[in-house]
Amino acid sequence: MNNNLKKLIRLSVLSAIALTIFMIELQIPPLVPIPGIKLGLANIITLIILALYGAKEASAVLFIRIFLGSMFSGQVVTFLYSLSGGILCLIVMSILIKLLGKSSIWFISIFGSISHNIGQITVAMIIFQTTSILYYLPILLISAVITGFFTGISSKFMITNGVLNKLIN
């Protein structure tokens, strides 16, 4: 089998895994009673793809997950929020992974999580035409550090131990 086809199949499987994780996470009750705060477990897959394959591949899987996740969950309204947060997150993580390398994946994940929240808040300010939403940002940023650390440590463990490679090979 040619290498491009193998890569396409791997990325397709990873897209399905990310989408499945996203859909399962939607079924888990919130850890805290604050809207907008969740672990973002599907971002583990995005971060691993970014580290192992690159930004182009991570972008494709991210878009597929966000688009299909919005359609399957019936949360089409949240598509713009997820997409803006996801794009900003991916840009920041792509820059940081080039500067810092894979060894700092937990740190990169924290900044990705922070930028994801900033992207979502920015879209909310545009849609609702108010800056009063910024009062919510400190709460989101605190949660971003915690969840970003968790997803970063999980990603590092999976990369170091080749968990996804064992799963999709």
N, C-alpha and C. Protein backbone atom coordinates (compact mmCIF):
# COMPACT_ATOMS: atom_id res chain seq x y z
N MET A 1 0.85 -1.18 0.00
CA MET A 1 0.00 0.00 0.00
C MET A 1 0.90 1.24 0.00
N ASN A 2 0.54 2.24 -0.79
CA ASN A 2 1.40 3.41 -0.88
C ASN A 2 1.27 4.28 0.38
N ASN A 3 2.33 5.06 0.65
CA ASN A 3 2.41 5.83 1.90
C ASN A 3 1.32 6.88 2.04
N ASN A 4 0.93 7.52 0.92
CA ASN A 4 -0.14 8.52 1.00
C ASN A 4 -1.47 7.90 1.41
N LEU A 5 -1.74 6.72 0.89
CA LEU A 5 -2.98 6.02 1.25
C LEU A 5 -2.96 5.60 2.72
N LYS A 6 -1.81 5.11 3.19
CA LYS A 6 -1.67 4.73 4.60
C LYS A 6 -1.92 5.94 5.50
N LYS A 7 -1.34 7.06 5.11
CA LYS A 7 -1.51 8.29 5.90
C LYS A 7 -2.97 8.73 5.90
N LEU A 8 -3.62 8.67 4.75
CA LEU A 8 -5.03 9.05 4.66
C LEU A 8 -5.90 8.14 5.54
N ILE A 9 -5.61 6.87 5.52
CA ILE A 9 -6.37 5.92 6.35
C ILE A 9 -6.14 6.21 7.83
N ARG A 10 -4.88 6.44 8.21
CA ARG A 10 -4.58 6.76 9.62
C ARG A 10 -5.30 8.02 10.06
N LEU A 11 -5.25 9.06 9.23
CA LEU A 11 -5.91 10.32 9.59
C LEU A 11 -7.42 10.17 9.64
N SER A 12 -7.96 9.32 8.78
CA SER A 12 -9.41 9.05 8.82
C SER A 12 -9.80 8.35 10.12
N VAL A 13 -8.99 7.38 10.51
CA VAL A 13 -9.25 6.68 11.78
C VAL A 13 -9.12 7.64 12.95
N LEU A 14 -8.10 8.49 12.92
CA LEU A 14 -7.92 9.48 13.99
C LEU A 14 -9.07 10.48 14.03
N SER A 15 -9.59 10.85 12.87
CA SER A 15 -10.76 11.73 12.82
C SER A 15 -11.96 11.06 13.48
N ALA A 16 -12.14 9.78 13.19
CA ALA A 16 -13.25 9.03 13.79
C ALA A 16 -13.07 8.91 15.30
N ILE A 17 -11.84 8.70 15.75
CA ILE A 17 -11.57 8.62 17.19
C ILE A 17 -11.86 9.96 17.85
N ALA A 18 -11.38 11.05 17.25
CA ALA A 18 -11.62 12.38 17.81
C ALA A 18 -13.11 12.69 17.88
N LEU A 19 -13.84 12.35 16.83
CA LEU A 19 -15.28 12.59 16.80
C LEU A 19 -15.99 11.75 17.86
N THR A 20 -15.58 10.51 18.01
CA THR A 20 -16.18 9.63 19.02
C THR A 20 -15.92 10.17 20.42
N ILE A 21 -14.70 10.59 20.69
CA ILE A 21 -14.37 11.17 22.00
C ILE A 21 -15.22 12.41 22.25
N PHE A 22 -15.35 13.26 21.24
CA PHE A 22 -16.17 14.47 21.35
C PHE A 22 -17.61 14.12 21.71
N MET A 23 -18.18 13.15 21.00
CA MET A 23 -19.57 12.77 21.22
C MET A 23 -19.77 12.14 22.60
N ILE A 24 -18.81 11.34 23.04
CA ILE A 24 -18.89 10.75 24.38
C ILE A 24 -18.79 11.84 25.45
N GLU A 25 -17.88 12.78 25.23
CA GLU A 25 -17.71 13.86 26.22
C GLU A 25 -18.99 14.69 26.37
N LEU A 26 -19.75 14.82 25.30
CA LEU A 26 -21.02 15.55 25.38
C LEU A 26 -22.00 14.87 26.33
N GLN A 27 -21.86 13.57 26.51
CA GLN A 27 -22.77 12.81 27.37
C GLN A 27 -22.37 12.87 28.84
N ILE A 28 -21.16 13.32 29.12
CA ILE A 28 -20.67 13.40 30.50
C ILE A 28 -21.19 14.69 31.13
N PRO A 29 -21.80 14.61 32.31
CA PRO A 29 -22.25 15.84 32.97
C PRO A 29 -21.06 16.76 33.24
N PRO A 30 -21.28 18.07 33.17
CA PRO A 30 -20.19 19.02 33.42
C PRO A 30 -19.54 18.80 34.79
N LEU A 31 -18.23 18.95 34.84
CA LEU A 31 -17.51 18.80 36.11
C LEU A 31 -17.81 19.95 37.06
N VAL A 32 -18.03 21.11 36.48
CA VAL A 32 -18.41 22.29 37.27
C VAL A 32 -19.64 22.92 36.61
N PRO A 33 -20.49 23.54 37.41
CA PRO A 33 -21.73 24.10 36.84
C PRO A 33 -21.54 25.46 36.16
N ILE A 34 -20.50 25.56 35.35
CA ILE A 34 -20.21 26.81 34.65
C ILE A 34 -20.25 26.53 33.16
N PRO A 35 -21.12 27.22 32.42
CA PRO A 35 -21.23 26.97 30.97
C PRO A 35 -19.90 27.20 30.25
N GLY A 36 -19.63 26.35 29.29
CA GLY A 36 -18.44 26.52 28.45
C GLY A 36 -17.20 25.83 28.96
N ILE A 37 -17.26 25.27 30.16
CA ILE A 37 -16.08 24.60 30.70
C ILE A 37 -16.24 23.09 30.54
N LYS A 38 -15.30 22.52 29.78
CA LYS A 38 -15.26 21.06 29.63
C LYS A 38 -13.81 20.66 29.41
N LEU A 39 -13.55 19.38 29.54
CA LEU A 39 -12.17 18.91 29.42
C LEU A 39 -11.59 19.09 28.02
N GLY A 40 -12.37 18.89 26.99
CA GLY A 40 -11.86 19.00 25.63
C GLY A 40 -10.98 17.81 25.27
N LEU A 41 -11.44 16.63 25.62
CA LEU A 41 -10.65 15.41 25.42
C LEU A 41 -10.31 15.14 23.96
N ALA A 42 -11.17 15.55 23.04
CA ALA A 42 -10.89 15.34 21.61
C ALA A 42 -9.67 16.13 21.17
N ASN A 43 -9.33 17.17 21.92
CA ASN A 43 -8.14 17.96 21.58
C ASN A 43 -6.85 17.17 21.79
N ILE A 44 -6.92 16.11 22.57
CA ILE A 44 -5.75 15.24 22.72
C ILE A 44 -5.36 14.69 21.35
N ILE A 45 -6.34 14.27 20.59
CA ILE A 45 -6.07 13.71 19.26
C ILE A 45 -5.48 14.78 18.34
N THR A 46 -6.05 15.98 18.39
CA THR A 46 -5.53 17.08 17.56
C THR A 46 -4.07 17.37 17.90
N LEU A 47 -3.77 17.41 19.18
CA LEU A 47 -2.40 17.71 19.62
C LEU A 47 -1.43 16.60 19.20
N ILE A 48 -1.86 15.37 19.30
CA ILE A 48 -1.01 14.25 18.88
C ILE A 48 -0.76 14.31 17.37
N ILE A 49 -1.79 14.58 16.60
CA ILE A 49 -1.62 14.68 15.14
C ILE A 49 -0.68 15.83 14.80
N LEU A 50 -0.84 16.95 15.48
CA LEU A 50 0.05 18.09 15.26
C LEU A 50 1.50 17.69 15.53
N ALA A 51 1.73 16.98 16.61
CA ALA A 51 3.10 16.58 16.98
C ALA A 51 3.67 15.53 16.03
N LEU A 52 2.83 14.59 15.59
CA LEU A 52 3.34 13.48 14.79
C LEU A 52 3.29 13.71 13.28
N TYR A 53 2.29 14.47 12.81
CA TYR A 53 2.10 14.66 11.37
C TYR A 53 2.32 16.10 10.90
N GLY A 54 1.85 17.07 11.67
CA GLY A 54 2.01 18.46 11.28
C GLY A 54 0.70 19.23 11.29
N ALA A 55 0.82 20.53 11.03
CA ALA A 55 -0.33 21.44 11.12
C ALA A 55 -1.39 21.19 10.06
N LYS A 56 -0.97 20.86 8.85
CA LYS A 56 -1.94 20.64 7.77
C LYS A 56 -2.86 19.46 8.11
N GLU A 57 -2.27 18.38 8.56
CA GLU A 57 -3.04 17.19 8.91
C GLU A 57 -3.92 17.44 10.14
N ALA A 58 -3.36 18.14 11.13
CA ALA A 58 -4.13 18.46 12.33
C ALA A 58 -5.31 19.36 12.00
N SER A 59 -5.10 20.30 11.06
CA SER A 59 -6.19 21.19 10.63
C SER A 59 -7.33 20.41 9.99
N ALA A 60 -6.98 19.45 9.15
CA ALA A 60 -8.01 18.65 8.47
C ALA A 60 -8.83 17.85 9.48
N VAL A 61 -8.16 17.20 10.41
CA VAL A 61 -8.86 16.39 11.42
C VAL A 61 -9.69 17.29 12.33
N LEU A 62 -9.14 18.44 12.70
CA LEU A 62 -9.87 19.39 13.55
C LEU A 62 -11.15 19.85 12.87
N PHE A 63 -11.05 20.23 11.61
CA PHE A 63 -12.23 20.71 10.89
C PHE A 63 -13.28 19.60 10.75
N ILE A 64 -12.83 18.41 10.41
CA ILE A 64 -13.76 17.28 10.28
C ILE A 64 -14.48 17.03 11.60
N ARG A 65 -13.72 17.03 12.70
CA ARG A 65 -14.33 16.79 14.02
C ARG A 65 -15.33 17.88 14.38
N ILE A 66 -14.96 19.12 14.17
CA ILE A 66 -15.85 20.23 14.53
C ILE A 66 -17.11 20.22 13.66
N PHE A 67 -16.93 20.04 12.36
CA PHE A 67 -18.08 20.05 11.46
C PHE A 67 -19.03 18.88 11.75
N LEU A 68 -18.48 17.68 11.76
CA LEU A 68 -19.34 16.51 12.00
C LEU A 68 -19.88 16.49 13.43
N GLY A 69 -19.07 16.92 14.38
CA GLY A 69 -19.53 16.98 15.77
C GLY A 69 -20.71 17.92 15.93
N SER A 70 -20.65 19.06 15.25
CA SER A 70 -21.77 20.02 15.29
C SER A 70 -23.02 19.43 14.65
N MET A 71 -22.83 18.73 13.54
CA MET A 71 -23.97 18.13 12.84
C MET A 71 -24.59 16.98 13.64
N PHE A 72 -23.74 16.07 14.11
CA PHE A 72 -24.24 14.88 14.81
C PHE A 72 -24.86 15.22 16.17
N SER A 73 -24.31 16.23 16.83
CA SER A 73 -24.81 16.57 18.17
C SER A 73 -26.02 17.49 18.12
N GLY A 74 -26.29 18.04 16.94
CA GLY A 74 -27.40 18.99 16.83
C GLY A 74 -27.05 20.36 17.36
N GLN A 75 -25.77 20.60 17.60
CA GLN A 75 -25.32 21.88 18.14
C GLN A 75 -24.71 22.74 17.04
N VAL A 76 -25.47 22.95 15.98
CA VAL A 76 -24.99 23.70 14.83
C VAL A 76 -24.65 25.14 15.21
N VAL A 77 -25.38 25.68 16.18
CA VAL A 77 -25.14 27.05 16.63
C VAL A 77 -23.73 27.20 17.19
N THR A 78 -23.22 26.17 17.81
CA THR A 78 -21.89 26.25 18.42
C THR A 78 -20.76 26.06 17.41
N PHE A 79 -21.09 25.79 16.16
CA PHE A 79 -20.08 25.55 15.14
C PHE A 79 -19.08 26.70 15.05
N LEU A 80 -19.57 27.94 14.99
CA LEU A 80 -18.68 29.10 14.87
C LEU A 80 -17.77 29.24 16.07
N TYR A 81 -18.32 29.01 17.26
CA TYR A 81 -17.50 29.10 18.47
C TYR A 81 -16.41 28.04 18.46
N SER A 82 -16.78 26.82 18.15
CA SER A 82 -15.81 25.73 18.12
C SER A 82 -14.76 25.94 17.04
N LEU A 83 -15.20 26.38 15.88
CA LEU A 83 -14.27 26.58 14.77
C LEU A 83 -13.28 27.71 15.06
N SER A 84 -13.78 28.83 15.57
CA SER A 84 -12.88 29.95 15.87
C SER A 84 -11.89 29.58 16.97
N GLY A 85 -12.39 28.93 18.01
CA GLY A 85 -11.50 28.50 19.08
C GLY A 85 -10.50 27.47 18.59
N GLY A 86 -10.97 26.53 17.79
CA GLY A 86 -10.09 25.48 17.27
C GLY A 86 -9.01 26.02 16.36
N ILE A 87 -9.37 26.95 15.49
CA ILE A 87 -8.38 27.52 14.56
C ILE A 87 -7.32 28.31 15.32
N LEU A 88 -7.75 29.18 16.25
CA LEU A 88 -6.78 29.96 17.01
C LEU A 88 -5.89 29.04 17.85
N CYS A 89 -6.49 28.05 18.45
CA CYS A 89 -5.74 27.07 19.24
C CYS A 89 -4.69 26.38 18.38
N LEU A 90 -5.08 25.94 17.21
CA LEU A 90 -4.16 25.22 16.33
C LEU A 90 -3.02 26.12 15.85
N ILE A 91 -3.33 27.38 15.55
CA ILE A 91 -2.28 28.32 15.13
C ILE A 91 -1.26 28.49 16.24
N VAL A 92 -1.74 28.75 17.46
CA VAL A 92 -0.84 28.96 18.60
C VAL A 92 -0.01 27.70 18.87
N MET A 93 -0.66 26.54 18.89
CA MET A 93 0.08 25.30 19.16
C MET A 93 1.07 24.98 18.05
N SER A 94 0.73 25.29 16.80
CA SER A 94 1.66 25.05 15.68
C SER A 94 2.91 25.89 15.82
N ILE A 95 2.73 27.14 16.19
CA ILE A 95 3.88 28.03 16.39
C ILE A 95 4.74 27.52 17.55
N LEU A 96 4.08 27.20 18.66
CA LEU A 96 4.82 26.76 19.85
C LEU A 96 5.53 25.43 19.64
N ILE A 97 4.93 24.52 18.90
CA ILE A 97 5.57 23.21 18.70
C ILE A 97 6.81 23.36 17.82
N LYS A 98 6.79 24.34 16.90
CA LYS A 98 7.98 24.61 16.08
C LYS A 98 9.08 25.24 16.93
N LEU A 99 8.69 26.11 17.86
CA LEU A 99 9.67 26.79 18.71
C LEU A 99 10.20 25.91 19.83
N LEU A 100 9.33 25.12 20.44
CA LEU A 100 9.69 24.39 21.66
C LEU A 100 9.88 22.89 21.47
N GLY A 101 9.32 22.34 20.40
CA GLY A 101 9.42 20.90 20.16
C GLY A 101 8.39 20.11 20.95
N LYS A 102 8.40 18.81 20.72
CA LYS A 102 7.40 17.91 21.31
C LYS A 102 7.58 17.72 22.82
N SER A 103 8.77 17.98 23.33
CA SER A 103 9.02 17.72 24.75
C SER A 103 8.20 18.63 25.66
N SER A 104 7.74 19.75 25.14
CA SER A 104 6.95 20.70 25.93
C SER A 104 5.46 20.62 25.60
N ILE A 105 4.99 19.45 25.25
CA ILE A 105 3.62 19.29 24.75
C ILE A 105 2.58 19.73 25.78
N TRP A 106 2.83 19.49 27.06
CA TRP A 106 1.86 19.90 28.10
C TRP A 106 1.76 21.42 28.15
N PHE A 107 2.89 22.10 28.00
CA PHE A 107 2.94 23.57 28.01
C PHE A 107 2.22 24.11 26.78
N ILE A 108 2.47 23.50 25.64
CA ILE A 108 1.83 23.89 24.38
C ILE A 108 0.33 23.70 24.48
N SER A 109 -0.09 22.62 25.11
CA SER A 109 -1.51 22.34 25.29
C SER A 109 -2.20 23.40 26.14
N ILE A 110 -1.54 23.86 27.19
CA ILE A 110 -2.11 24.90 28.04
C ILE A 110 -2.36 26.16 27.22
N PHE A 111 -1.37 26.57 26.43
CA PHE A 111 -1.54 27.78 25.62
C PHE A 111 -2.56 27.57 24.50
N GLY A 112 -2.65 26.35 24.01
CA GLY A 112 -3.70 26.03 23.04
C GLY A 112 -5.08 26.17 23.65
N SER A 113 -5.23 25.68 24.86
CA SER A 113 -6.51 25.76 25.56
C SER A 113 -6.89 27.22 25.86
N ILE A 114 -5.92 27.99 26.28
CA ILE A 114 -6.16 29.42 26.54
C ILE A 114 -6.59 30.12 25.25
N SER A 115 -5.87 29.86 24.17
CA SER A 115 -6.20 30.53 22.90
C SER A 115 -7.55 30.07 22.36
N HIS A 116 -7.92 28.83 22.63
CA HIS A 116 -9.24 28.33 22.23
C HIS A 116 -10.33 29.17 22.90
N ASN A 117 -10.19 29.41 24.19
CA ASN A 117 -11.17 30.22 24.91
C ASN A 117 -11.19 31.67 24.41
N ILE A 118 -10.03 32.20 24.10
CA ILE A 118 -9.96 33.58 23.58
C ILE A 118 -10.67 33.66 22.23
N GLY A 119 -10.47 32.66 21.38
CA GLY A 119 -11.16 32.62 20.09
C GLY A 119 -12.66 32.57 20.25
N GLN A 120 -13.14 31.76 21.18
CA GLN A 120 -14.58 31.64 21.41
C GLN A 120 -15.16 32.94 21.98
N ILE A 121 -14.47 33.53 22.92
CA ILE A 121 -14.95 34.79 23.52
C ILE A 121 -14.98 35.89 22.46
N THR A 122 -13.99 35.92 21.58
CA THR A 122 -13.95 36.92 20.51
C THR A 122 -15.17 36.79 19.60
N VAL A 123 -15.50 35.57 19.20
CA VAL A 123 -16.68 35.35 18.36
C VAL A 123 -17.95 35.75 19.11
N ALA A 124 -18.03 35.41 20.38
CA ALA A 124 -19.21 35.78 21.17
C ALA A 124 -19.36 37.30 21.24
N MET A 125 -18.24 38.02 21.39
CA MET A 125 -18.31 39.49 21.42
C MET A 125 -18.80 40.04 20.09
N ILE A 126 -18.37 39.44 18.99
CA ILE A 126 -18.80 39.88 17.67
C ILE A 126 -20.29 39.59 17.46
N ILE A 127 -20.70 38.38 17.80
CA ILE A 127 -22.10 37.99 17.60
C ILE A 127 -23.04 38.83 18.46
N PHE A 128 -22.70 38.98 19.74
CA PHE A 128 -23.59 39.70 20.66
C PHE A 128 -23.30 41.20 20.72
N GLN A 129 -22.26 41.63 20.02
CA GLN A 129 -21.87 43.04 19.93
C GLN A 129 -21.76 43.70 21.30
N THR A 130 -21.02 43.02 22.16
CA THR A 130 -20.76 43.57 23.49
C THR A 130 -19.42 43.05 24.01
N THR A 131 -18.77 43.88 24.79
CA THR A 131 -17.52 43.46 25.42
C THR A 131 -17.76 42.96 26.85
N SER A 132 -19.00 43.03 27.31
CA SER A 132 -19.28 42.59 28.68
C SER A 132 -18.98 41.10 28.87
N ILE A 133 -18.90 40.36 27.78
CA ILE A 133 -18.57 38.93 27.84
C ILE A 133 -17.15 38.73 28.38
N LEU A 134 -16.31 39.76 28.26
CA LEU A 134 -14.94 39.65 28.75
C LEU A 134 -14.87 39.39 30.26
N TYR A 135 -15.91 39.72 30.99
CA TYR A 135 -15.92 39.45 32.43
C TYR A 135 -15.88 37.95 32.72
N TYR A 136 -16.29 37.17 31.76
CA TYR A 136 -16.31 35.71 31.88
C TYR A 136 -14.93 35.10 31.58
N LEU A 137 -14.08 35.87 30.92
CA LEU A 137 -12.79 35.36 30.46
C LEU A 137 -11.88 34.85 31.59
N PRO A 138 -11.75 35.54 32.72
CA PRO A 138 -10.87 35.01 33.77
C PRO A 138 -11.25 33.60 34.24
N ILE A 139 -12.54 33.34 34.36
CA ILE A 139 -13.00 32.00 34.76
C ILE A 139 -12.60 30.98 33.71
N LEU A 140 -12.81 31.34 32.44
CA LEU A 140 -12.45 30.42 31.35
C LEU A 140 -10.94 30.19 31.28
N LEU A 141 -10.16 31.23 31.55
CA LEU A 141 -8.70 31.09 31.48
C LEU A 141 -8.17 30.18 32.59
N ILE A 142 -8.74 30.29 33.77
CA ILE A 142 -8.33 29.40 34.86
C ILE A 142 -8.64 27.95 34.49
N SER A 143 -9.84 27.73 33.97
CA SER A 143 -10.19 26.36 33.56
C SER A 143 -9.32 25.90 32.40
N ALA A 144 -8.94 26.83 31.52
CA ALA A 144 -8.09 26.47 30.37
C ALA A 144 -6.73 25.96 30.82
N VAL A 145 -6.18 26.56 31.84
CA VAL A 145 -4.88 26.11 32.35
C VAL A 145 -5.00 24.68 32.90
N ILE A 146 -6.06 24.44 33.65
CA ILE A 146 -6.26 23.11 34.25
C ILE A 146 -6.53 22.05 33.18
N THR A 147 -7.49 22.34 32.30
CA THR A 147 -7.83 21.34 31.26
C THR A 147 -6.71 21.19 30.24
N GLY A 148 -6.05 22.30 29.91
CA GLY A 148 -4.92 22.24 28.98
C GLY A 148 -3.78 21.40 29.52
N PHE A 149 -3.53 21.52 30.82
CA PHE A 149 -2.49 20.70 31.45
C PHE A 149 -2.87 19.22 31.36
N PHE A 150 -4.12 18.91 31.68
CA PHE A 150 -4.59 17.52 31.65
C PHE A 150 -4.48 16.93 30.23
N THR A 151 -4.98 17.66 29.24
CA THR A 151 -4.91 17.14 27.87
C THR A 151 -3.47 17.07 27.38
N GLY A 152 -2.65 18.00 27.82
CA GLY A 152 -1.23 17.99 27.44
C GLY A 152 -0.48 16.80 28.01
N ILE A 153 -0.71 16.52 29.29
CA ILE A 153 -0.07 15.37 29.93
C ILE A 153 -0.56 14.06 29.28
N SER A 154 -1.85 14.01 28.99
CA SER A 154 -2.41 12.82 28.33
C SER A 154 -1.79 12.63 26.94
N SER A 155 -1.66 13.73 26.20
CA SER A 155 -1.05 13.68 24.86
C SER A 155 0.39 13.22 24.94
N LYS A 156 1.13 13.78 25.89
CA LYS A 156 2.54 13.41 26.04
C LYS A 156 2.67 11.92 26.35
N PHE A 157 1.83 11.42 27.24
CA PHE A 157 1.85 10.00 27.58
C PHE A 157 1.58 9.15 26.34
N MET A 158 0.58 9.54 25.57
CA MET A 158 0.20 8.76 24.39
C MET A 158 1.28 8.81 23.31
N ILE A 159 1.92 9.97 23.14
CA ILE A 159 3.00 10.09 22.15
C ILE A 159 4.21 9.28 22.60
N THR A 160 4.60 9.44 23.86
CA THR A 160 5.77 8.75 24.39
C THR A 160 5.63 7.24 24.31
N ASN A 161 4.44 6.75 24.59
CA ASN A 161 4.21 5.30 24.61
C ASN A 161 3.66 4.75 23.29
N GLY A 162 3.51 5.62 22.29
CA GLY A 162 3.04 5.17 20.98
C GLY A 162 1.65 4.56 20.99
N VAL A 163 0.80 5.05 21.88
CA VAL A 163 -0.53 4.47 22.05
C VAL A 163 -1.33 4.50 20.76
N LEU A 164 -1.38 5.66 20.10
CA LEU A 164 -2.17 5.75 18.87
C LEU A 164 -1.56 4.94 17.73
N ASN A 165 -0.23 4.93 17.67
CA ASN A 165 0.41 4.13 16.62
C ASN A 165 0.06 2.66 16.77
N LYS A 166 0.03 2.18 18.01
CA LYS A 166 -0.34 0.78 18.25
C LYS A 166 -1.80 0.54 17.87
N LEU A 167 -2.62 1.55 18.10
CA LEU A 167 -4.05 1.42 17.84
C LEU A 167 -4.37 1.41 16.35
N ILE A 168 -3.69 2.26 15.57
CA ILE A 168 -4.07 2.42 14.17
C ILE A 168 -3.17 1.67 13.19
N ASN A 169 -2.15 1.01 13.66
CA ASN A 169 -1.27 0.25 12.75
C ASN A 169 -1.71 -1.19 12.64
